[in-house]
C-alpha atoms as a PDB file:
ATOM      1  CA  MET A   1       0.000   0.000   0.000  1.00  0.00           C
ATOM      2  CA  ILE A   2       1.232   3.487  -0.793  1.00  0.00           C
ATOM      3  CA  HIS A   3       1.385   5.958   2.071  1.00  0.00           C
ATOM      4  CA  PRO A   4       1.235   9.750   1.727  1.00  0.00           C
ATOM      5  CA  ALA A   5       4.391  11.733   2.329  1.00  0.00           C
ATOM      6  CA  ASN A   6       4.247  15.496   1.944  1.00  0.00           C
ATOM      7  CA  GLU A   7       7.855  16.186   2.822  1.00  0.00           C
ATOM      8  CA  ARG A   8      10.631  16.643   0.305  1.00  0.00           C
ATOM      9  CA  ILE A   9      12.792  13.574  -0.228  1.00  0.00           C
ATOM     10  CA  SER A  10      16.407  14.431  -0.994  1.00  0.00           C
ATOM     11  CA  ILE A  11      19.266  12.690  -2.695  1.00  0.00           C
ATOM     12  CA  ILE A  12      22.278  14.615  -1.458  1.00  0.00           C
ATOM     13  CA  GLU A  13      24.668  13.537  -4.209  1.00  0.00           C
ATOM     14  CA  THR A  14      22.760  15.314  -6.993  1.00  0.00           C
ATOM     15  CA  MET A  15      20.666  17.825  -5.071  1.00  0.00           C
ATOM     16  CA  MET A  16      17.599  16.152  -6.536  1.00  0.00           C
ATOM     17  CA  LYS A  17      14.464  16.582  -4.457  1.00  0.00           C
ATOM     18  CA  LEU A  18      10.962  15.179  -4.812  1.00  0.00           C
ATOM     19  CA  GLU A  19       8.001  17.245  -3.678  1.00  0.00           C
ATOM     20  CA  ARG A  20       4.603  15.595  -3.396  1.00  0.00           C
ATOM     21  CA  ILE A  21       2.055  17.064  -5.790  1.00  0.00           C
ATOM     22  CA  SER A  22      -0.612  18.869  -3.776  1.00  0.00           C
ATOM     23  CA  ALA A  23      -3.383  21.403  -4.327  1.00  0.00           C
ATOM     24  CA  ASP A  24      -0.747  24.119  -3.883  1.00  0.00           C
ATOM     25  CA  ASN A  25       1.439  22.961  -6.788  1.00  0.00           C
ATOM     26  CA  LEU A  26      -1.121  21.175  -8.976  1.00  0.00           C
ATOM     27  CA  GLU A  27      -1.083  23.748 -11.777  1.00  0.00           C
ATOM     28  CA  LEU A  28       2.726  23.683 -11.918  1.00  0.00           C
ATOM     29  CA  ALA A  29       2.617  19.883 -12.057  1.00  0.00           C
ATOM     30  CA  VAL A  30       0.061  19.912 -14.886  1.00  0.00           C
ATOM     31  CA  SER A  31       2.119  22.493 -16.777  1.00  0.00           C
ATOM     32  CA  VAL A  32       5.295  20.390 -16.491  1.00  0.00           C
ATOM     33  CA  GLN A  33       3.415  17.223 -17.487  1.00  0.00           C
ATOM     34  CA  GLU A  34       1.836  18.926 -20.502  1.00  0.00           C
ATOM     35  CA  THR A  35       5.274  20.160 -21.604  1.00  0.00           C
ATOM     36  CA  LEU A  36       6.628  16.604 -21.359  1.00  0.00           C
ATOM     37  CA  PHE A  37       3.564  14.888 -22.855  1.00  0.00           C
ATOM     38  CA  PRO A  38       1.761  17.563 -24.911  1.00  0.00           C
ATOM     39  CA  ASN A  39      -1.103  15.380 -26.148  1.00  0.00           C
ATOM     40  CA  GLU A  40      -1.847  13.765 -22.793  1.00  0.00           C
ATOM     41  CA  SER A  41      -3.264  14.927 -19.452  1.00  0.00           C
ATOM     42  CA  ALA A  42      -2.375  13.707 -15.966  1.00  0.00           C
ATOM     43  CA  ARG A  43      -4.733  16.185 -14.282  1.00  0.00           C
ATOM     44  CA  VAL A  44      -7.282  13.555 -13.208  1.00  0.00           C
ATOM     45  CA  ASN A  45      -4.531  11.242 -11.903  1.00  0.00           C
ATOM     46  CA  PHE A  46      -2.969  14.108  -9.942  1.00  0.00           C
ATOM     47  CA  GLU A  47      -6.338  15.223  -8.536  1.00  0.00           C
ATOM     48  CA  GLU A  48      -7.238  11.665  -7.472  1.00  0.00           C
ATOM     49  CA  SER A  49      -3.874  11.405  -5.715  1.00  0.00           C
ATOM     50  CA  ILE A  50      -4.387  14.718  -3.882  1.00  0.00           C
ATOM     51  CA  SER A  51      -7.922  13.843  -2.759  1.00  0.00           C
ATOM     52  CA  GLY A  52      -7.029  10.297  -1.730  1.00  0.00           C
ATOM     53  CA  ALA A  53      -9.561   8.894  -4.204  1.00  0.00           C
ATOM     54  CA  ALA A  54      -6.841   6.634  -5.616  1.00  0.00           C
ATOM     55  CA  ASP A  55      -3.743   5.052  -4.166  1.00  0.00           C
ATOM     56  CA  TYR A  56      -1.281   6.969  -6.344  1.00  0.00           C
ATOM     57  CA  GLU A  57       1.584   9.247  -5.383  1.00  0.00           C
ATOM     58  CA  TYR A  58       2.951  11.865  -7.753  1.00  0.00           C
ATOM     59  CA  TYR A  59       5.921  14.145  -7.232  1.00  0.00           C
ATOM     60  CA  LEU A  60       7.581  17.123  -8.831  1.00  0.00           C
ATOM     61  CA  ILE A  61      11.282  16.511  -9.423  1.00  0.00           C
ATOM     62  CA  TYR A  62      13.531  19.414  -8.462  1.00  0.00           C
ATOM     63  CA  GLU A  63      17.148  20.055  -9.262  1.00  0.00           C
ATOM     64  CA  ASP A  64      18.220  22.428  -6.523  1.00  0.00           C
ATOM     65  CA  ASP A  65      15.214  24.800  -6.420  1.00  0.00           C
ATOM     66  CA  THR A  66      14.140  24.450 -10.052  1.00  0.00           C
ATOM     67  CA  CYS A  67      11.332  22.118 -11.117  1.00  0.00           C
ATOM     68  CA  ALA A  68      12.768  19.683 -13.650  1.00  0.00           C
ATOM     69  CA  GLY A  69      10.134  16.976 -14.106  1.00  0.00           C
ATOM     70  CA  VAL A  70       7.462  14.703 -12.666  1.00  0.00           C
ATOM     71  CA  ILE A  71       7.325  11.125 -11.414  1.00  0.00           C
ATOM     72  CA  GLY A  72       4.756   8.853  -9.796  1.00  0.00           C
ATOM     73  CA  ILE A  73       4.323   5.513  -8.090  1.00  0.00           C
ATOM     74  CA  TYR A  74       1.168   3.425  -7.997  1.00  0.00           C
ATOM     75  CA  SER A  75       0.024  -0.176  -7.958  1.00  0.00           C
ATOM     76  CA  LEU A  76      -2.599  -2.172  -9.793  1.00  0.00           C
ATOM     77  CA  GLN A  77      -5.155  -4.197  -7.855  1.00  0.00           C
ATOM     78  CA  ASP A  78      -4.487  -7.225 -10.071  1.00  0.00           C
ATOM     79  CA  ASP A  79      -0.708  -6.924  -9.602  1.00  0.00           C
ATOM     80  CA  PRO A  80       0.002  -6.405  -5.876  1.00  0.00           C
ATOM     81  CA  CYS A  81       3.687  -7.383  -6.183  1.00  0.00           C
ATOM     82  CA  SER A  82       4.575  -4.579  -8.606  1.00  0.00           C
ATOM     83  CA  ALA A  83       5.106  -0.862  -8.213  1.00  0.00           C
ATOM     84  CA  TRP A  84       4.250   1.010 -11.398  1.00  0.00           C
ATOM     85  CA  LEU A  85       6.096   4.122 -12.520  1.00  0.00           C
ATOM     86  CA  GLY A  86       3.682   6.865 -13.549  1.00  0.00           C
ATOM     87  CA  TRP A  87       3.967  10.068 -15.548  1.00  0.00           C
ATOM     88  CA  PHE A  88       7.762  10.057 -15.434  1.00  0.00           C
ATOM     89  CA  GLY A  89       9.632  12.659 -17.436  1.00  0.00           C
ATOM     90  CA  ILE A  90      12.472  15.160 -17.206  1.00  0.00           C
ATOM     91  CA  LEU A  91      12.233  18.511 -18.994  1.00  0.00           C
ATOM     92  CA  SER A  92      14.630  18.691 -21.952  1.00  0.00           C
ATOM     93  CA  GLN A  93      16.929  21.334 -20.448  1.00  0.00           C
ATOM     94  CA  PHE A  94      17.662  19.035 -17.467  1.00  0.00           C
ATOM     95  CA  ARG A  95      18.393  15.865 -19.426  1.00  0.00           C
ATOM     96  CA  ARG A  96      21.864  14.358 -19.801  1.00  0.00           C
ATOM     97  CA  ASN A  97      22.930  15.290 -16.275  1.00  0.00           C
ATOM     98  CA  HIS A  98      21.797  11.998 -14.664  1.00  0.00           C
ATOM     99  CA  LEU A  99      18.702  13.527 -13.065  1.00  0.00           C
ATOM    100  CA  GLY A 100      16.455  10.985 -14.811  1.00  0.00           C
ATOM    101  CA  SER A 101      18.645   8.111 -13.619  1.00  0.00           C
ATOM    102  CA  GLU A 102      18.576   9.421 -10.051  1.00  0.00           C
ATOM    103  CA  ALA A 103      14.793   9.877 -10.121  1.00  0.00           C
ATOM    104  CA  LEU A 104      14.287   6.364 -11.502  1.00  0.00           C
ATOM    105  CA  LYS A 105      16.605   4.993  -8.809  1.00  0.00           C
ATOM    106  CA  LYS A 106      14.574   6.854  -6.162  1.00  0.00           C
ATOM    107  CA  PHE A 107      11.358   5.325  -7.532  1.00  0.00           C
ATOM    108  CA  GLU A 108      12.916   1.858  -7.216  1.00  0.00           C
ATOM    109  CA  GLU A 109      14.058   2.599  -3.645  1.00  0.00           C
ATOM    110  CA  MET A 110      10.560   3.792  -2.713  1.00  0.00           C
ATOM    111  CA  ALA A 111       9.046   0.666  -4.258  1.00  0.00           C
ATOM    112  CA  ALA A 112      11.455  -1.680  -2.474  1.00  0.00           C
ATOM    113  CA  ALA A 113      10.869   0.105   0.852  1.00  0.00           C
ATOM    114  CA  ARG A 114       7.148  -0.626   0.407  1.00  0.00           C
ATOM    115  CA  HIS A 115       7.922  -4.301  -0.184  1.00  0.00           C
ATOM    116  CA  PHE A 116       7.102  -4.406  -3.869  1.00  0.00           C
ATOM    117  CA  LYS A 117       9.037  -7.175  -5.612  1.00  0.00           C
ATOM    118  CA  TYR A 118       8.993  -5.690  -9.109  1.00  0.00           C
ATOM    119  CA  ALA A 119       9.007  -2.337 -10.867  1.00  0.00           C
ATOM    120  CA  ARG A 120       6.968  -1.881 -14.037  1.00  0.00           C
ATOM    121  CA  PHE A 121       5.734   0.814 -16.379  1.00  0.00           C
ATOM    122  CA  TYR A 122       4.413   1.218 -19.892  1.00  0.00           C
ATOM    123  CA  THR A 123       5.406   3.530 -22.706  1.00  0.00           C
ATOM    124  CA  ASP A 124       4.828   4.047 -26.403  1.00  0.00           C
ATOM    125  CA  GLU A 125       6.674   1.663 -28.677  1.00  0.00           C
ATOM    126  CA  GLU A 126       6.891   3.998 -31.666  1.00  0.00           C
ATOM    127  CA  ASP A 127       8.986   7.184 -31.948  1.00  0.00           C
ATOM    128  CA  ASN A 128      10.431   6.624 -28.497  1.00  0.00           C
ATOM    129  CA  ASP A 129      13.920   5.242 -29.168  1.00  0.00           C
ATOM    130  CA  THR A 130      15.773   7.479 -26.685  1.00  0.00           C
ATOM    131  CA  ALA A 131      13.486   6.597 -23.761  1.00  0.00           C
ATOM    132  CA  ILE A 132      13.516   2.905 -24.644  1.00  0.00           C
ATOM    133  CA  ALA A 133      17.321   2.885 -24.701  1.00  0.00           C
ATOM    134  CA  PHE A 134      17.391   4.725 -21.349  1.00  0.00           C
ATOM    135  CA  TYR A 135      15.113   2.152 -19.686  1.00  0.00           C
ATOM    136  CA  LYS A 136      17.016  -0.799 -21.130  1.00  0.00           C
ATOM    137  CA  ALA A 137      20.285   0.694 -19.829  1.00  0.00           C
ATOM    138  CA  ALA A 138      18.642   0.939 -16.381  1.00  0.00           C
ATOM    139  CA  GLY A 139      18.016  -2.815 -16.393  1.00  0.00           C
ATOM    140  CA  TYR A 140      14.378  -2.930 -17.521  1.00  0.00           C
ATOM    141  CA  THR A 141      13.172  -5.642 -19.897  1.00  0.00           C
ATOM    142  CA  PRO A 142      10.547  -4.651 -22.496  1.00  0.00           C
ATOM    143  CA  GLU A 143       7.727  -6.727 -23.909  1.00  0.00           C
ATOM    144  CA  SER A 144       4.970  -5.785 -26.322  1.00  0.00           C
ATOM    145  CA  TYR A 145       1.537  -5.389 -24.774  1.00  0.00           C
ATOM    146  CA  ARG A 146      -1.453  -6.676 -26.710  1.00  0.00           C
ATOM    147  CA  ASN A 147      -4.726  -7.536 -25.008  1.00  0.00           C
ATOM    148  CA  GLU A 148      -7.998  -7.549 -26.928  1.00  0.00           C
ATOM    149  CA  ASP A 149      -9.950  -6.692 -23.759  1.00  0.00           C
ATOM    150  CA  ASP A 150      -7.892  -3.491 -23.411  1.00  0.00           C
ATOM    151  CA  GLU A 151      -8.916  -1.794 -26.660  1.00  0.00           C
ATOM    152  CA  VAL A 152      -6.452   1.100 -26.596  1.00  0.00           C
ATOM    153  CA  CYS A 153      -3.401  -1.148 -26.782  1.00  0.00           C
ATOM    154  CA  MET A 154      -4.725  -2.620 -30.001  1.00  0.00           C
ATOM    155  CA  LYS A 155      -4.689   0.883 -31.488  1.00  0.00           C
ATOM    156  CA  TYR A 156      -1.390   2.171 -30.039  1.00  0.00           C
ATOM    157  CA  LYS A 157       1.740   0.054 -29.861  1.00  0.00           C
ATOM    158  CA  THR A 158       2.674  -0.196 -26.203  1.00  0.00           C
ATOM    159  CA  LEU A 159       5.652  -1.667 -24.365  1.00  0.00           C
ATOM    160  CA  ILE A 160       5.632  -2.823 -20.761  1.00  0.00           C
ATOM    161  CA  PHE A 161       9.002  -2.649 -19.041  1.00  0.00           C
ATOM    162  CA  SER A 162       9.747  -4.773 -15.975  1.00  0.00           C
ATOM    163  CA  LYS A 163      12.605  -5.113 -13.501  1.00  0.00           C
ATOM    164  CA  THR A 164      13.063  -7.187 -10.366  1.00  0.00           C
ATOM    165  CA  LEU A 165      13.633  -5.433  -7.050  1.00  0.00           C
ATOM    166  CA  CYS A 166      14.392  -8.652  -5.175  1.00  0.00           C
ATOM    167  CA  ASP A 167      16.243 -11.942  -5.622  1.00  0.00           C
ATOM    168  CA  GLU A 168      13.429 -13.451  -7.702  1.00  0.00           C
ATOM    169  CA  PRO A 169      13.355 -13.086 -11.478  1.00  0.00           C
ATOM    170  CA  VAL A 170      10.623 -10.773 -12.675  1.00  0.00           C
ATOM    171  CA  PRO A 171       7.761 -12.639 -14.377  1.00  0.00           C
ATOM    172  CA  LEU A 172       6.719 -11.441 -17.803  1.00  0.00           C
ATOM    173  CA  TRP A 173       3.566  -9.356 -17.915  1.00  0.00           C
ATOM    174  CA  ASN A 174       2.344 -11.763 -20.571  1.00  0.00           C
ATOM    175  CA  ASN A 175      -0.427  -9.480 -21.890  1.00  0.00           C
ATOM    176  CA  ARG A 176      -2.517  -9.465 -18.716  1.00  0.00           C
ATOM    177  CA  ASN A 177      -5.048  -6.632 -18.797  1.00  0.00           C
ATOM    178  CA  MET A 178      -3.500  -3.492 -17.316  1.00  0.00           C
ATOM    179  CA  HIS A 179      -6.603  -1.376 -18.058  1.00  0.00           C
ATOM    180  CA  LEU A 180      -4.837   1.141 -20.278  1.00  0.00           C
ATOM    181  CA  THR A 181      -8.180   2.020 -21.889  1.00  0.00           C
ATOM    182  CA  ALA A 182      -9.467   3.333 -18.534  1.00  0.00           C
ATOM    183  CA  GLN A 183      -6.298   5.408 -18.107  1.00  0.00           C
ATOM    184  CA  ILE A 184      -6.713   6.944 -21.568  1.00  0.00           C
ATOM    185  CA  ALA A 185     -10.301   7.867 -20.623  1.00  0.00           C
ATOM    186  CA  LYS A 186      -8.901   9.773 -17.606  1.00  0.00           C
ATOM    187  CA  GLN A 187      -6.486  11.588 -19.887  1.00  0.00           C
ATOM    188  CA  GLU A 188      -9.325  12.588 -22.212  1.00  0.00           C
ATOM    189  CA  GLU A 189     -11.343  13.844 -19.223  1.00  0.00           C
ATOM    190  CA  GLY A 190      -8.347  15.932 -18.140  1.00  0.00           C
ATOM    191  CA  ASN A 191      -7.970  17.325 -21.662  1.00  0.00           C
ATOM    192  CA  HIS A 192     -11.659  18.352 -21.732  1.00  0.00           C
ATOM    193  CA  ARG A 193     -11.329  20.158 -18.395  1.00  0.00           C
ATOM    194  CA  HIS A 194      -8.413  22.134 -19.832  1.00  0.00           C
ATOM    195  CA  GLU A 195     -10.352  23.331 -22.902  1.00  0.00           C
END
């Protein structure tokens, strides 16, 4: 289970800090997310996290005192052994200085501290070579996601990346339904609120 934490979490080596997304910084978080993913909206996910309506945690990533990106952690009811990485991205001007690697490492540490055995996330398969290479270099194994009950993945090519956080090998996702269609519906709702 994910527990709220409103304090900043620091990694001294890089001066990276995570600040929990709250009502006070929601608009900044949405702005950063929309810069990173211009055709998508995390607003509903962020709002559900703030209100406690869903068991998600989202954070702004800071380098020193400058907001540099977003990151989240959540779990799926049908996959209680895995922590899922959500809405992760670093703004272009902060890339190539290891901030993304440090943030991903922090996500894995948070997941392990909460006794998750595996780390997972999904991303687009097409036009995403740089991100895919980054995740592979971080030890994540990709697999194509195709599930006829999850209509969106039949339209958009999706990869699920997985990594073990324990001594057990990570099982393949093997096309189990991850309910991506429901997530896309939340994104569309967030886009409509923004119009």
